[in-house]
Amino acid sequence: MKRADFVLAGAILLLAGILLYVNTTKSIAGRAELVITLDGEEFGRYDLSLDAEIRIGDHAVCRIRNERVSMTESDCPDRLCVHSAEIGRSGGAIVCLPNKIILKIEGTGQTAPDAIAG
């Protein structure tokens, strides 16, 4: 390997490190929001810090309360989405397959770690 190969490899590693740092910083500082998808299309984005009840088309209702999201109503036959666990800042998703609804948390707003174990 020639000197130029080492310089190129170093530049690529430096760029990858910068991109990783920017992406990590952005997700730590960002606000968490609920993203609702209906039939493959984005239905809406909602801030988790605001309590709300959201009607999703004619099929379902979800609730944001205390930065937690749950599906409260659905006209699907098995209602698994209504019985699934709440999701919040730590991430997760609630899916209603019959109605093609996905509730997903983005921009988790995680805090930086207190310490790093070695």
PDB file of N, CA and C in Angstrom:
ATOM      1  N   MET A   1       0.843  -1.184   0.000  1.00  0.00           N
ATOM      2  CA  MET A   1       0.000   0.000   0.000  1.00  0.00           C
ATOM      3  C   MET A   1       0.883   1.241   0.000  1.00  0.00           C
ATOM      4  N   LYS A   2       0.446   2.206  -0.741  1.00  0.00           N
ATOM      5  CA  LYS A   2       1.187   3.458  -0.843  1.00  0.00           C
ATOM      6  C   LYS A   2       0.672   4.452   0.191  1.00  0.00           C
ATOM      7  N   ARG A   3       1.411   5.523   0.344  1.00  0.00           N
ATOM      8  CA  ARG A   3       1.048   6.554   1.321  1.00  0.00           C
ATOM      9  C   ARG A   3      -0.330   7.150   1.010  1.00  0.00           C
ATOM     10  N   ALA A   4      -0.661   7.333  -0.255  1.00  0.00           N
ATOM     11  CA  ALA A   4      -1.953   7.898  -0.649  1.00  0.00           C
ATOM     12  C   ALA A   4      -3.107   6.996  -0.220  1.00  0.00           C
ATOM     13  N   ASP A   5      -2.889   5.678  -0.221  1.00  0.00           N
ATOM     14  CA  ASP A   5      -3.929   4.739   0.232  1.00  0.00           C
ATOM     15  C   ASP A   5      -4.225   4.938   1.713  1.00  0.00           C
ATOM     16  N   PHE A   6      -3.183   5.144   2.521  1.00  0.00           N
ATOM     17  CA  PHE A   6      -3.383   5.375   3.949  1.00  0.00           C
ATOM     18  C   PHE A   6      -4.090   6.702   4.208  1.00  0.00           C
ATOM     19  N   VAL A   7      -3.739   7.724   3.433  1.00  0.00           N
ATOM     20  CA  VAL A   7      -4.396   9.031   3.575  1.00  0.00           C
ATOM     21  C   VAL A   7      -5.874   8.906   3.210  1.00  0.00           C
ATOM     22  N   LEU A   8      -6.181   8.201   2.133  1.00  0.00           N
ATOM     23  CA  LEU A   8      -7.573   8.007   1.719  1.00  0.00           C
ATOM     24  C   LEU A   8      -8.355   7.221   2.773  1.00  0.00           C
ATOM     25  N   ALA A   9      -7.769   6.150   3.296  1.00  0.00           N
ATOM     26  CA  ALA A   9      -8.438   5.355   4.334  1.00  0.00           C
ATOM     27  C   ALA A   9      -8.672   6.197   5.588  1.00  0.00           C
ATOM     28  N   GLY A  10      -7.700   7.013   5.952  1.00  0.00           N
ATOM     29  CA  GLY A  10      -7.856   7.881   7.120  1.00  0.00           C
ATOM     30  C   GLY A  10      -8.954   8.910   6.917  1.00  0.00           C
ATOM     31  N   ALA A  11      -9.021   9.482   5.713  1.00  0.00           N
ATOM     32  CA  ALA A  11     -10.062  10.470   5.418  1.00  0.00           C
ATOM     33  C   ALA A  11     -11.448   9.837   5.479  1.00  0.00           C
ATOM     34  N   ILE A  12     -11.574   8.626   4.961  1.00  0.00           N
ATOM     35  CA  ILE A  12     -12.863   7.926   5.004  1.00  0.00           C
ATOM     36  C   ILE A  12     -13.272   7.631   6.443  1.00  0.00           C
ATOM     37  N   LEU A  13     -12.310   7.159   7.256  1.00  0.00           N
ATOM     38  CA  LEU A  13     -12.615   6.885   8.665  1.00  0.00           C
ATOM     39  C   LEU A  13     -12.990   8.166   9.417  1.00  0.00           C
ATOM     40  N   LEU A  14     -12.308   9.250   9.127  1.00  0.00           N
ATOM     41  CA  LEU A  14     -12.621  10.532   9.768  1.00  0.00           C
ATOM     42  C   LEU A  14     -14.017  11.002   9.388  1.00  0.00           C
ATOM     43  N   LEU A  15     -14.357  10.904   8.117  1.00  0.00           N
ATOM     44  CA  LEU A  15     -15.687  11.291   7.660  1.00  0.00           C
ATOM     45  C   LEU A  15     -16.771  10.421   8.299  1.00  0.00           C
ATOM     46  N   ALA A  16     -16.525   9.124   8.382  1.00  0.00           N
ATOM     47  CA  ALA A  16     -17.494   8.220   9.023  1.00  0.00           C
ATOM     48  C   ALA A  16     -17.670   8.583  10.496  1.00  0.00           C
ATOM     49  N   GLY A  17     -16.599   8.919  11.175  1.00  0.00           N
ATOM     50  CA  GLY A  17     -16.682   9.322  12.577  1.00  0.00           C
ATOM     51  C   GLY A  17     -17.475  10.596  12.764  1.00  0.00           C
ATOM     52  N   ILE A  18     -17.257  11.558  11.888  1.00  0.00           N
ATOM     53  CA  ILE A  18     -17.997  12.826  11.966  1.00  0.00           C
ATOM     54  C   ILE A  18     -19.476  12.592  11.724  1.00  0.00           C
ATOM     55  N   LEU A  19     -19.815  11.791  10.717  1.00  0.00           N
ATOM     56  CA  LEU A  19     -21.225  11.493  10.443  1.00  0.00           C
ATOM     57  C   LEU A  19     -21.875  10.757  11.609  1.00  0.00           C
ATOM     58  N   LEU A  20     -21.179   9.824  12.213  1.00  0.00           N
ATOM     59  CA  LEU A  20     -21.714   9.101  13.364  1.00  0.00           C
ATOM     60  C   LEU A  20     -21.944  10.048  14.537  1.00  0.00           C
ATOM     61  N   TYR A  21     -20.998  10.948  14.787  1.00  0.00           N
ATOM     62  CA  TYR A  21     -21.145  11.912  15.875  1.00  0.00           C
ATOM     63  C   TYR A  21     -22.351  12.827  15.647  1.00  0.00           C
ATOM     64  N   VAL A  22     -22.496  13.349  14.437  1.00  0.00           N
ATOM     65  CA  VAL A  22     -23.605  14.253  14.125  1.00  0.00           C
ATOM     66  C   VAL A  22     -24.929  13.522  14.266  1.00  0.00           C
ATOM     67  N   ASN A  23     -25.016  12.286  13.764  1.00  0.00           N
ATOM     68  CA  ASN A  23     -26.255  11.514  13.863  1.00  0.00           C
ATOM     69  C   ASN A  23     -26.601  11.206  15.315  1.00  0.00           C
ATOM     70  N   THR A  24     -25.619  10.851  16.135  1.00  0.00           N
ATOM     71  CA  THR A  24     -25.855  10.551  17.548  1.00  0.00           C
ATOM     72  C   THR A  24     -26.279  11.803  18.299  1.00  0.00           C
ATOM     73  N   THR A  25     -25.608  12.910  18.059  1.00  0.00           N
ATOM     74  CA  THR A  25     -25.945  14.165  18.730  1.00  0.00           C
ATOM     75  C   THR A  25     -27.351  14.606  18.361  1.00  0.00           C
ATOM     76  N   LYS A  26     -27.709  14.466  17.097  1.00  0.00           N
ATOM     77  CA  LYS A  26     -29.044  14.877  16.646  1.00  0.00           C
ATOM     78  C   LYS A  26     -30.125  14.040  17.325  1.00  0.00           C
ATOM     79  N   SER A  27     -29.933  12.729  17.462  1.00  0.00           N
ATOM     80  CA  SER A  27     -30.962  11.891  18.073  1.00  0.00           C
ATOM     81  C   SER A  27     -31.051  12.116  19.579  1.00  0.00           C
ATOM     82  N   ILE A  28     -29.928  12.466  20.216  1.00  0.00           N
ATOM     83  CA  ILE A  28     -29.969  12.724  21.658  1.00  0.00           C
ATOM     84  C   ILE A  28     -30.685  14.048  21.933  1.00  0.00           C
ATOM     85  N   ALA A  29     -30.424  15.052  21.120  1.00  0.00           N
ATOM     86  CA  ALA A  29     -30.996  16.371  21.366  1.00  0.00           C
ATOM     87  C   ALA A  29     -32.413  16.501  20.823  1.00  0.00           C
ATOM     88  N   GLY A  30     -32.796  15.648  19.894  1.00  0.00           N
ATOM     89  CA  GLY A  30     -34.095  15.785  19.241  1.00  0.00           C
ATOM     90  C   GLY A  30     -35.261  15.440  20.144  1.00  0.00           C
ATOM     91  N   ARG A  31     -36.442  15.888  19.731  1.00  0.00           N
ATOM     92  CA  ARG A  31     -37.657  15.570  20.470  1.00  0.00           C
ATOM     93  C   ARG A  31     -38.261  14.299  19.916  1.00  0.00           C
ATOM     94  N   ALA A  32     -38.838  13.521  20.787  1.00  0.00           N
ATOM     95  CA  ALA A  32     -39.503  12.300  20.356  1.00  0.00           C
ATOM     96  C   ALA A  32     -40.875  12.651  19.803  1.00  0.00           C
ATOM     97  N   GLU A  33     -41.248  11.960  18.732  1.00  0.00           N
ATOM     98  CA  GLU A  33     -42.564  12.186  18.165  1.00  0.00           C
ATOM     99  C   GLU A  33     -43.158  10.869  17.685  1.00  0.00           C
ATOM    100  N   LEU A  34     -44.480  10.851  17.683  1.00  0.00           N
ATOM    101  CA  LEU A  34     -45.235   9.716  17.186  1.00  0.00           C
ATOM    102  C   LEU A  34     -45.450   9.915  15.692  1.00  0.00           C
ATOM    103  N   VAL A  35     -45.114   8.894  14.915  1.00  0.00           N
ATOM    104  CA  VAL A  35     -45.367   8.915  13.474  1.00  0.00           C
ATOM    105  C   VAL A  35     -46.425   7.863  13.191  1.00  0.00           C
ATOM    106  N   ILE A  36     -47.536   8.285  12.600  1.00  0.00           N
ATOM    107  CA  ILE A  36     -48.628   7.368  12.267  1.00  0.00           C
ATOM    108  C   ILE A  36     -48.630   7.148  10.764  1.00  0.00           C
ATOM    109  N   THR A  37     -48.623   5.876  10.380  1.00  0.00           N
ATOM    110  CA  THR A  37     -48.696   5.499   8.972  1.00  0.00           C
ATOM    111  C   THR A  37     -50.002   4.760   8.749  1.00  0.00           C
ATOM    112  N   LEU A  38     -50.743   5.153   7.728  1.00  0.00           N
ATOM    113  CA  LEU A  38     -52.018   4.515   7.382  1.00  0.00           C
ATOM    114  C   LEU A  38     -51.945   4.075   5.929  1.00  0.00           C
ATOM    115  N   ASP A  39     -52.053   2.791   5.712  1.00  0.00           N
ATOM    116  CA  ASP A  39     -52.037   2.208   4.366  1.00  0.00           C
ATOM    117  C   ASP A  39     -50.778   2.607   3.595  1.00  0.00           C
ATOM    118  N   GLY A  40     -49.628   2.592   4.288  1.00  0.00           N
ATOM    119  CA  GLY A  40     -48.348   2.883   3.662  1.00  0.00           C
ATOM    120  C   GLY A  40     -48.028   4.354   3.487  1.00  0.00           C
ATOM    121  N   GLU A  41     -48.954   5.241   3.798  1.00  0.00           N
ATOM    122  CA  GLU A  41     -48.746   6.691   3.664  1.00  0.00           C
ATOM    123  C   GLU A  41     -48.653   7.317   5.063  1.00  0.00           C
ATOM    124  N   GLU A  42     -47.802   8.332   5.198  1.00  0.00           N
ATOM    125  CA  GLU A  42     -47.709   9.014   6.484  1.00  0.00           C
ATOM    126  C   GLU A  42     -49.008   9.764   6.752  1.00  0.00           C
ATOM    127  N   PHE A  43     -49.634   9.440   7.881  1.00  0.00           N
ATOM    128  CA  PHE A  43     -50.903  10.060   8.276  1.00  0.00           C
ATOM    129  C   PHE A  43     -50.651  11.334   9.077  1.00  0.00           C
ATOM    130  N   GLY A  44     -49.618  11.315   9.941  1.00  0.00           N
ATOM    131  CA  GLY A  44     -49.316  12.487  10.748  1.00  0.00           C
ATOM    132  C   GLY A  44     -48.160  12.261  11.702  1.00  0.00           C
ATOM    133  N   ARG A  45     -47.630  13.379  12.224  1.00  0.00           N
ATOM    134  CA  ARG A  45     -46.562  13.366  13.230  1.00  0.00           C
ATOM    135  C   ARG A  45     -47.037  14.178  14.425  1.00  0.00           C
ATOM    136  N   TYR A  46     -46.823  13.647  15.619  1.00  0.00           N
ATOM    137  CA  TYR A  46     -47.335  14.288  16.824  1.00  0.00           C
ATOM    138  C   TYR A  46     -46.257  14.280  17.905  1.00  0.00           C
ATOM    139  N   ASP A  47     -46.059  15.408  18.554  1.00  0.00           N
ATOM    140  CA  ASP A  47     -45.083  15.542  19.624  1.00  0.00           C
ATOM    141  C   ASP A  47     -45.557  14.751  20.844  1.00  0.00           C
ATOM    142  N   LEU A  48     -44.653  13.966  21.424  1.00  0.00           N
ATOM    143  CA  LEU A  48     -45.033  13.156  22.591  1.00  0.00           C
ATOM    144  C   LEU A  48     -45.275  13.990  23.841  1.00  0.00           C
ATOM    145  N   SER A  49     -44.788  15.216  23.862  1.00  0.00           N
ATOM    146  CA  SER A  49     -44.981  16.036  25.058  1.00  0.00           C
ATOM    147  C   SER A  49     -46.388  16.620  25.150  1.00  0.00           C
ATOM    148  N   LEU A  50     -47.174  16.502  24.071  1.00  0.00           N
ATOM    149  CA  LEU A  50     -48.537  17.039  24.078  1.00  0.00           C
ATOM    150  C   LEU A  50     -49.543  15.900  24.211  1.00  0.00           C
ATOM    151  N   ASP A  51     -50.388  15.947  25.227  1.00  0.00           N
ATOM    152  CA  ASP A  51     -51.426  14.933  25.386  1.00  0.00           C
ATOM    153  C   ASP A  51     -52.502  15.135  24.327  1.00  0.00           C
ATOM    154  N   ALA A  52     -52.904  14.045  23.682  1.00  0.00           N
ATOM    155  CA  ALA A  52     -53.894  14.153  22.606  1.00  0.00           C
ATOM    156  C   ALA A  52     -54.572  12.813  22.377  1.00  0.00           C
ATOM    157  N   GLU A  53     -55.739  12.869  21.767  1.00  0.00           N
ATOM    158  CA  GLU A  53     -56.441  11.682  21.300  1.00  0.00           C
ATOM    159  C   GLU A  53     -56.603  11.870  19.792  1.00  0.00           C
ATOM    160  N   ILE A  54     -56.124  10.901  19.017  1.00  0.00           N
ATOM    161  CA  ILE A  54     -56.050  11.057  17.564  1.00  0.00           C
ATOM    162  C   ILE A  54     -56.901   9.986  16.885  1.00  0.00           C
ATOM    163  N   ARG A  55     -57.850  10.423  16.081  1.00  0.00           N
ATOM    164  CA  ARG A  55     -58.669   9.501  15.286  1.00  0.00           C
ATOM    165  C   ARG A  55     -57.911   9.204  14.008  1.00  0.00           C
ATOM    166  N   ILE A  56     -57.703   7.930  13.715  1.00  0.00           N
ATOM    167  CA  ILE A  56     -56.950   7.507  12.540  1.00  0.00           C
ATOM    168  C   ILE A  56     -57.947   6.972  11.519  1.00  0.00           C
ATOM    169  N   GLY A  57     -58.289   7.801  10.567  1.00  0.00           N
ATOM    170  CA  GLY A  57     -59.290   7.435   9.570  1.00  0.00           C
ATOM    171  C   GLY A  57     -60.606   7.092  10.241  1.00  0.00           C
ATOM    172  N   ASP A  58     -61.291   6.091   9.710  1.00  0.00           N
ATOM    173  CA  ASP A  58     -62.546   5.623  10.300  1.00  0.00           C
ATOM    174  C   ASP A  58     -62.351   4.366  11.131  1.00  0.00           C
ATOM    175  N   HIS A  59     -61.090   3.971  11.341  1.00  0.00           N
ATOM    176  CA  HIS A  59     -60.831   2.651  11.896  1.00  0.00           C
ATOM    177  C   HIS A  59     -60.366   2.616  13.341  1.00  0.00           C
ATOM    178  N   ALA A  60     -59.627   3.622  13.801  1.00  0.00           N
ATOM    179  CA  ALA A  60     -58.974   3.488  15.097  1.00  0.00           C
ATOM    180  C   ALA A  60     -58.769   4.842  15.764  1.00  0.00           C
ATOM    181  N   VAL A  61     -58.453   4.769  17.065  1.00  0.00           N
ATOM    182  CA  VAL A  61     -58.125   5.951  17.858  1.00  0.00           C
ATOM    183  C   VAL A  61     -56.913   5.602  18.708  1.00  0.00           C
ATOM    184  N   CYS A  62     -55.923   6.511  18.733  1.00  0.00           N
ATOM    185  CA  CYS A  62     -54.784   6.322  19.633  1.00  0.00           C
ATOM    186  C   CYS A  62     -54.722   7.507  20.583  1.00  0.00           C
ATOM    187  N   ARG A  63     -54.028   7.317  21.682  1.00  0.00           N
ATOM    188  CA  ARG A  63     -53.946   8.349  22.716  1.00  0.00           C
ATOM    189  C   ARG A  63     -52.493   8.584  23.089  1.00  0.00           C
ATOM    190  N   ILE A  64     -52.114   9.857  23.193  1.00  0.00           N
ATOM    191  CA  ILE A  64     -50.819  10.245  23.746  1.00  0.00           C
ATOM    192  C   ILE A  64     -51.102  10.837  25.116  1.00  0.00           C
ATOM    193  N   ARG A  65     -50.513  10.243  26.127  1.00  0.00           N
ATOM    194  CA  ARG A  65     -50.688  10.744  27.496  1.00  0.00           C
ATOM    195  C   ARG A  65     -49.404  10.462  28.266  1.00  0.00           C
ATOM    196  N   ASN A  66     -48.866  11.491  28.924  1.00  0.00           N
ATOM    197  CA  ASN A  66     -47.645  11.370  29.719  1.00  0.00           C
ATOM    198  C   ASN A  66     -46.491  10.794  28.905  1.00  0.00           C
ATOM    199  N   GLU A  67     -46.360  11.254  27.655  1.00  0.00           N
ATOM    200  CA  GLU A  67     -45.303  10.838  26.735  1.00  0.00           C
ATOM    201  C   GLU A  67     -45.345   9.338  26.432  1.00  0.00           C
ATOM    202  N   ARG A  68     -46.518   8.730  26.558  1.00  0.00           N
ATOM    203  CA  ARG A  68     -46.742   7.319  26.226  1.00  0.00           C
ATOM    204  C   ARG A  68     -47.871   7.251  25.209  1.00  0.00           C
ATOM    205  N   VAL A  69     -47.803   6.283  24.307  1.00  0.00           N
ATOM    206  CA  VAL A  69     -48.799   6.137  23.252  1.00  0.00           C
ATOM    207  C   VAL A  69     -49.452   4.772  23.363  1.00  0.00           C
ATOM    208  N   SER A  70     -50.769   4.754  23.225  1.00  0.00           N
ATOM    209  CA  SER A  70     -51.503   3.485  23.207  1.00  0.00           C
ATOM    210  C   SER A  70     -52.617   3.572  22.174  1.00  0.00           C
ATOM    211  N   MET A  71     -52.998   2.430  21.654  1.00  0.00           N
ATOM    212  CA  MET A  71     -54.150   2.347  20.755  1.00  0.00           C
ATOM    213  C   MET A  71     -55.343   2.080  21.663  1.00  0.00           C
ATOM    214  N   THR A  72     -56.332   2.951  21.640  1.00  0.00           N
ATOM    215  CA  THR A  72     -57.469   2.811  22.551  1.00  0.00           C
ATOM    216  C   THR A  72     -58.696   2.193  21.892  1.00  0.00           C
ATOM    217  N   GLU A  73     -58.840   2.386  20.583  1.00  0.00           N
ATOM    218  CA  GLU A  73     -59.995   1.823  19.872  1.00  0.00           C
ATOM    219  C   GLU A  73     -59.548   1.335  18.502  1.00  0.00           C
ATOM    220  N   SER A  74     -60.187   0.249  18.057  1.00  0.00           N
ATOM    221  CA  SER A  74     -59.954  -0.248  16.706  1.00  0.00           C
ATOM    222  C   SER A  74     -61.120  -1.142  16.311  1.00  0.00           C
ATOM    223  N   ASP A  75     -61.494  -1.105  15.035  1.00  0.00           N
ATOM    224  CA  ASP A  75     -62.586  -1.955  14.579  1.00  0.00           C
ATOM    225  C   ASP A  75     -62.081  -3.255  13.943  1.00  0.00           C
ATOM    226  N   CYS A  76     -60.795  -3.583  14.154  1.00  0.00           N
ATOM    227  CA  CYS A  76     -60.262  -4.832  13.603  1.00  0.00           C
ATOM    228  C   CYS A  76     -60.812  -6.017  14.408  1.00  0.00           C
ATOM    229  N   PRO A  77     -60.863  -7.200  13.813  1.00  0.00           N
ATOM    230  CA  PRO A  77     -61.507  -8.339  14.475  1.00  0.00           C
ATOM    231  C   PRO A  77     -60.810  -8.830  15.752  1.00  0.00           C
ATOM    232  N   ASP A  78     -59.485  -8.877  15.771  1.00  0.00           N
ATOM    233  CA  ASP A  78     -58.800  -9.452  16.937  1.00  0.00           C
ATOM    234  C   ASP A  78     -58.393  -8.420  17.986  1.00  0.00           C
ATOM    235  N   ARG A  79     -58.319  -7.143  17.636  1.00  0.00           N
ATOM    236  CA  ARG A  79     -57.977  -6.039  18.533  1.00  0.00           C
ATOM    237  C   ARG A  79     -56.641  -6.231  19.258  1.00  0.00           C
ATOM    238  N   LEU A  80     -55.693  -6.907  18.601  1.00  0.00           N
ATOM    239  CA  LEU A  80     -54.373  -7.090  19.205  1.00  0.00           C
ATOM    240  C   LEU A  80     -53.671  -5.754  19.420  1.00  0.00           C
ATOM    241  N   CYS A  81     -53.897  -4.811  18.526  1.00  0.00           N
ATOM    242  CA  CYS A  81     -53.266  -3.499  18.657  1.00  0.00           C
ATOM    243  C   CYS A  81     -53.749  -2.778  19.923  1.00  0.00           C
ATOM    244  N   VAL A  82     -54.997  -2.951  20.279  1.00  0.00           N
ATOM    245  CA  VAL A  82     -55.549  -2.311  21.476  1.00  0.00           C
ATOM    246  C   VAL A  82     -54.964  -2.938  22.738  1.00  0.00           C
ATOM    247  N   HIS A  83     -54.661  -4.219  22.671  1.00  0.00           N
ATOM    248  CA  HIS A  83     -54.132  -4.934  23.837  1.00  0.00           C
ATOM    249  C   HIS A  83     -52.610  -4.909  23.912  1.00  0.00           C
ATOM    250  N   SER A  84     -51.937  -4.333  22.919  1.00  0.00           N
ATOM    251  CA  SER A  84     -50.477  -4.291  22.959  1.00  0.00           C
ATOM    252  C   SER A  84     -50.009  -3.240  23.959  1.00  0.00           C
ATOM    253  N   ALA A  85     -48.757  -3.363  24.383  1.00  0.00           N
ATOM    254  CA  ALA A  85     -48.190  -2.476  25.395  1.00  0.00           C
ATOM    255  C   ALA A  85     -48.033  -1.062  24.857  1.00  0.00           C
ATOM    256  N   GLU A  86     -48.054  -0.094  25.774  1.00  0.00           N
ATOM    257  CA  GLU A  86     -47.812   1.296  25.399  1.00  0.00           C
ATOM    258  C   GLU A  86     -46.387   1.446  24.886  1.00  0.00           C
ATOM    259  N   ILE A  87     -46.179   2.446  24.034  1.00  0.00           N
ATOM    260  CA  ILE A  87     -44.839   2.775  23.581  1.00  0.00           C
ATOM    261  C   ILE A  87     -44.520   4.191  24.010  1.00  0.00           C
ATOM    262  N   GLY A  88     -43.231   4.516  24.110  1.00  0.00           N
ATOM    263  CA  GLY A  88     -42.836   5.849  24.556  1.00  0.00           C
ATOM    264  C   GLY A  88     -41.469   6.225  24.036  1.00  0.00           C
ATOM    265  N   ARG A  89     -40.786   7.079  24.778  1.00  0.00           N
ATOM    266  CA  ARG A  89     -39.487   7.608  24.363  1.00  0.00           C
ATOM    267  C   ARG A  89     -38.453   6.530  24.101  1.00  0.00           C
ATOM    268  N   SER A  90     -38.580   5.394  24.734  1.00  0.00           N
ATOM    269  CA  SER A  90     -37.601   4.327  24.516  1.00  0.00           C
ATOM    270  C   SER A  90     -37.785   3.657  23.165  1.00  0.00           C
ATOM    271  N   GLY A  91     -38.822   4.057  22.433  1.00  0.00           N
ATOM    272  CA  GLY A  91     -39.044   3.529  21.086  1.00  0.00           C
ATOM    273  C   GLY A  91     -40.146   2.488  21.074  1.00  0.00           C
ATOM    274  N   GLY A  92     -40.248   1.796  19.968  1.00  0.00           N
ATOM    275  CA  GLY A  92     -41.251   0.760  19.815  1.00  0.00           C
ATOM    276  C   GLY A  92     -42.264   1.105  18.756  1.00  0.00           C
ATOM    277  N   ALA A  93     -43.184   0.172  18.557  1.00  0.00           N
ATOM    278  CA  ALA A  93     -44.224   0.364  17.546  1.00  0.00           C
ATOM    279  C   ALA A  93     -45.461  -0.421  17.931  1.00  0.00           C
ATOM    280  N   ILE A  94     -46.593   0.054  17.490  1.00  0.00           N
ATOM    281  CA  ILE A  94     -47.862  -0.656  17.596  1.00  0.00           C
ATOM    282  C   ILE A  94     -48.376  -0.814  16.174  1.00  0.00           C
ATOM    283  N   VAL A  95     -48.735  -2.036  15.811  1.00  0.00           N
ATOM    284  CA  VAL A  95     -49.152  -2.321  14.440  1.00  0.00           C
ATOM    285  C   VAL A  95     -50.546  -2.935  14.444  1.00  0.00           C
ATOM    286  N   CYS A  96     -51.407  -2.429  13.572  1.00  0.00           N
ATOM    287  CA  CYS A  96     -52.725  -3.016  13.333  1.00  0.00           C
ATOM    288  C   CYS A  96     -52.731  -3.487  11.883  1.00  0.00           C
ATOM    289  N   LEU A  97     -52.488  -4.774  11.680  1.00  0.00           N
ATOM    290  CA  LEU A  97     -52.392  -5.300  10.318  1.00  0.00           C
ATOM    291  C   LEU A  97     -53.698  -5.214   9.532  1.00  0.00           C
ATOM    292  N   PRO A  98     -54.850  -5.569  10.121  1.00  0.00           N
ATOM    293  CA  PRO A  98     -56.079  -5.504   9.318  1.00  0.00           C
ATOM    294  C   PRO A  98     -56.382  -4.100   8.785  1.00  0.00           C
ATOM    295  N   ASN A  99     -56.092  -3.070   9.581  1.00  0.00           N
ATOM    296  CA  ASN A  99     -56.373  -1.691   9.163  1.00  0.00           C
ATOM    297  C   ASN A  99     -55.171  -1.001   8.535  1.00  0.00           C
ATOM    298  N   LYS A 100     -54.032  -1.695   8.460  1.00  0.00           N
ATOM    299  CA  LYS A 100     -52.793  -1.169   7.870  1.00  0.00           C
ATOM    300  C   LYS A 100     -52.349   0.123   8.550  1.00  0.00           C
ATOM    301  N   ILE A 101     -52.319   0.081   9.904  1.00  0.00           N
ATOM    302  CA  ILE A 101     -51.919   1.234  10.706  1.00  0.00           C
ATOM    303  C   ILE A 101     -50.651   0.884  11.464  1.00  0.00           C
ATOM    304  N   ILE A 102     -49.677   1.807  11.448  1.00  0.00           N
ATOM    305  CA  ILE A 102     -48.448   1.643  12.225  1.00  0.00           C
ATOM    306  C   ILE A 102     -48.249   2.900  13.060  1.00  0.00           C
ATOM    307  N   LEU A 103     -48.077   2.718  14.363  1.00  0.00           N
ATOM    308  CA  LEU A 103     -47.717   3.805  15.276  1.00  0.00           C
ATOM    309  C   LEU A 103     -46.262   3.573  15.654  1.00  0.00           C
ATOM    310  N   LYS A 104     -45.395   4.543  15.387  1.00  0.00           N
ATOM    311  CA  LYS A 104     -43.971   4.357  15.626  1.00  0.00           C
ATOM    312  C   LYS A 104     -43.395   5.615  16.259  1.00  0.00           C
ATOM    313  N   ILE A 105     -42.439   5.437  17.174  1.00  0.00           N
ATOM    314  CA  ILE A 105     -41.764   6.561  17.816  1.00  0.00           C
ATOM    315  C   ILE A 105     -40.473   6.843  17.057  1.00  0.00           C
ATOM    316  N   GLU A 106     -40.243   8.111  16.722  1.00  0.00           N
ATOM    317  CA  GLU A 106     -39.002   8.528  16.072  1.00  0.00           C
ATOM    318  C   GLU A 106     -38.364   9.647  16.871  1.00  0.00           C
ATOM    319  N   GLY A 107     -37.031   9.797  16.714  1.00  0.00           N
ATOM    320  CA  GLY A 107     -36.318  10.849  17.440  1.00  0.00           C
ATOM    321  C   GLY A 107     -36.456  10.645  18.912  1.00  0.00           C
ATOM    322  N   THR A 108     -35.980   9.516  19.409  1.00  0.00           N
ATOM    323  CA  THR A 108     -36.305   9.057  20.755  1.00  0.00           C
ATOM    324  C   THR A 108     -35.968  10.033  21.868  1.00  0.00           C
ATOM    325  N   GLY A 109     -35.197  11.067  21.587  1.00  0.00           N
ATOM    326  CA  GLY A 109     -34.922  12.055  22.634  1.00  0.00           C
ATOM    327  C   GLY A 109     -34.228  11.472  23.830  1.00  0.00           C
ATOM    328  N   GLN A 110     -33.383  10.470  23.595  1.00  0.00           N
ATOM    329  CA  GLN A 110     -32.677   9.830  24.699  1.00  0.00           C
ATOM    330  C   GLN A 110     -31.692  10.798  25.316  1.00  0.00           C
ATOM    331  N   THR A 111     -31.465  10.632  26.583  1.00  0.00           N
ATOM    332  CA  THR A 111     -30.467  11.443  27.245  1.00  0.00           C
ATOM    333  C   THR A 111     -29.104  10.778  27.086  1.00  0.00           C
ATOM    334  N   ALA A 112     -28.070  11.564  27.227  1.00  0.00           N
ATOM    335  CA  ALA A 112     -26.719  11.021  27.122  1.00  0.00           C
ATOM    336  C   ALA A 112     -26.464  10.074  28.297  1.00  0.00           C
ATOM    337  N   PRO A 113     -25.616   9.072  28.128  1.00  0.00           N
ATOM    338  CA  PRO A 113     -25.353   8.139  29.215  1.00  0.00           C
ATOM    339  C   PRO A 113     -24.640   8.831  30.378  1.00  0.00           C
ATOM    340  N   ASP A 114     -24.904   8.362  31.611  1.00  0.00           N
ATOM    341  CA  ASP A 114     -24.253   8.909  32.785  1.00  0.00           C
ATOM    342  C   ASP A 114     -22.770   8.544  32.818  1.00  0.00           C
ATOM    343  N   ALA A 115     -22.472   7.318  32.390  1.00  0.00           N
ATOM    344  CA  ALA A 115     -21.093   6.831  32.402  1.00  0.00           C
ATOM    345  C   ALA A 115     -20.958   5.758  31.342  1.00  0.00           C
ATOM    346  N   ILE A 116     -19.734   5.507  30.973  1.00  0.00           N
ATOM    347  CA  ILE A 116     -19.451   4.454  30.005  1.00  0.00           C
ATOM    348  C   ILE A 116     -18.619   3.404  30.702  1.00  0.00           C
ATOM    349  N   ALA A 117     -19.121   2.167  30.698  1.00  0.00           N
ATOM    350  CA  ALA A 117     -18.390   1.077  31.344  1.00  0.00           C
ATOM    351  C   ALA A 117     -17.268   0.613  30.431  1.00  0.00           C
ATOM    352  N   GLY A 118     -16.147   0.255  31.024  1.00  0.00           N
ATOM    353  CA  GLY A 118     -15.005  -0.139  30.214  1.00  0.00           C
ATOM    354  C   GLY A 118     -14.847  -1.589  30.032  1.00  0.00           C
TER     355      GLY A 118
END
